[in-house]
Protein backbone atom coordinates (compact mmCIF):
# COMPACT_ATOMS: atom_id res chain seq x y z
CA MET A 1 -8.52 0.41 9.50
CA SER A 2 -11.86 -1.15 8.88
CA ASP A 3 -12.84 -4.65 9.96
CA GLU A 4 -13.18 -5.85 6.36
CA PHE A 5 -9.63 -4.68 5.64
CA LYS A 6 -8.30 -6.61 8.62
CA LYS A 7 -10.26 -9.71 7.62
CA ALA A 8 -9.05 -9.54 4.01
CA LYS A 9 -5.40 -9.47 5.13
CA PRO A 10 -4.06 -7.91 1.93
CA VAL A 11 -0.60 -9.05 0.94
CA THR A 12 2.19 -6.75 1.98
CA PHE A 13 4.90 -5.55 -0.39
CA ASP A 14 8.50 -5.74 0.83
CA GLY A 15 10.28 -4.59 -2.32
CA GLU A 16 12.15 -7.92 -2.44
CA MET A 17 9.93 -9.77 -4.87
CA LYS A 18 11.94 -11.78 -7.37
CA LYS A 19 9.89 -11.33 -10.55
CA SER A 20 8.02 -8.39 -12.05
CA GLN A 21 4.93 -10.61 -12.10
CA ASP A 22 5.03 -10.66 -8.28
CA VAL A 23 4.75 -6.88 -8.17
CA GLU A 24 1.98 -6.89 -10.75
CA ALA A 25 0.11 -9.58 -8.79
CA TRP A 26 0.36 -7.51 -5.59
CA LEU A 27 -0.94 -4.39 -7.35
CA LEU A 28 -3.76 -6.36 -8.97
CA GLY A 29 -4.72 -7.83 -5.60
CA MET A 30 -4.90 -4.36 -4.06
CA LYS A 31 -6.95 -3.04 -7.01
CA LYS A 32 -9.41 -5.93 -6.60
CA PHE A 33 -9.69 -5.20 -2.89
CA PHE A 34 -10.51 -1.56 -3.65
CA ILE A 35 -13.17 -2.60 -6.18
CA LEU A 36 -14.99 -4.37 -3.35
CA HIS A 37 -14.68 -1.54 -0.85
CA GLU A 38 -15.54 2.11 -1.24
CA TYR A 39 -12.60 4.04 0.14
CA SER A 40 -11.64 7.62 -0.62
CA GLU A 41 -8.59 8.09 -2.83
CA ASN A 42 -6.63 9.25 0.22
CA MET A 43 -7.58 6.14 2.19
CA LYS A 44 -6.53 3.92 -0.72
CA ALA A 45 -3.11 5.59 -0.78
CA ARG A 46 -2.79 5.23 3.00
CA ILE A 47 -3.73 1.54 2.86
CA ILE A 48 -1.13 0.95 0.15
CA THR A 49 1.61 2.66 2.17
CA PHE A 50 0.49 0.76 5.28
CA ASN A 51 1.15 -2.49 3.41
CA LEU A 52 4.77 -1.60 2.62
CA LYS A 53 7.16 -3.69 4.72
CA GLY A 54 10.89 -4.13 5.15
CA LYS A 55 13.28 -2.23 2.92
CA VAL A 56 10.56 -0.59 0.83
CA ASP A 57 8.89 0.73 4.00
CA ILE A 58 12.20 2.26 5.08
CA TRP A 59 12.58 3.76 1.58
CA TRP A 60 9.04 5.23 1.76
CA GLU A 61 9.69 6.78 5.18
CA ASP A 62 12.87 8.36 3.80
CA VAL A 63 11.04 9.74 0.76
CA LYS A 64 8.29 11.19 2.98
CA ASN A 65 10.80 12.86 5.26
CA THR A 66 13.04 14.14 2.47
CA LYS A 67 10.22 15.53 0.36
CA GLY A 68 7.98 16.64 3.24
CA ILE A 69 5.12 14.38 2.17
CA HIS A 70 2.16 14.05 4.53
CA GLU A 71 0.01 10.94 4.16
CA ASP A 72 -3.12 13.02 4.70
CA ASP A 73 -2.36 14.70 1.36
CA LEU A 74 -1.86 11.49 -0.68
CA THR A 75 -4.22 10.38 -3.42
């Protein structure tokens, strides 16, 4: 990951947020981050999945394995 990404410390998503506004705020924060930085569509998808934590990260790993998804192919 780039230095600016590490410095920005984007909020992680754990799937346990209490209100729908929390999810929307997380997505908006990530969109704003991507407006400032020129990443490829694949890198954006990889950054998003990198910021999944806890139960939602476990869910994502299961989906990847079950469906044969490779992060290099994500957009």
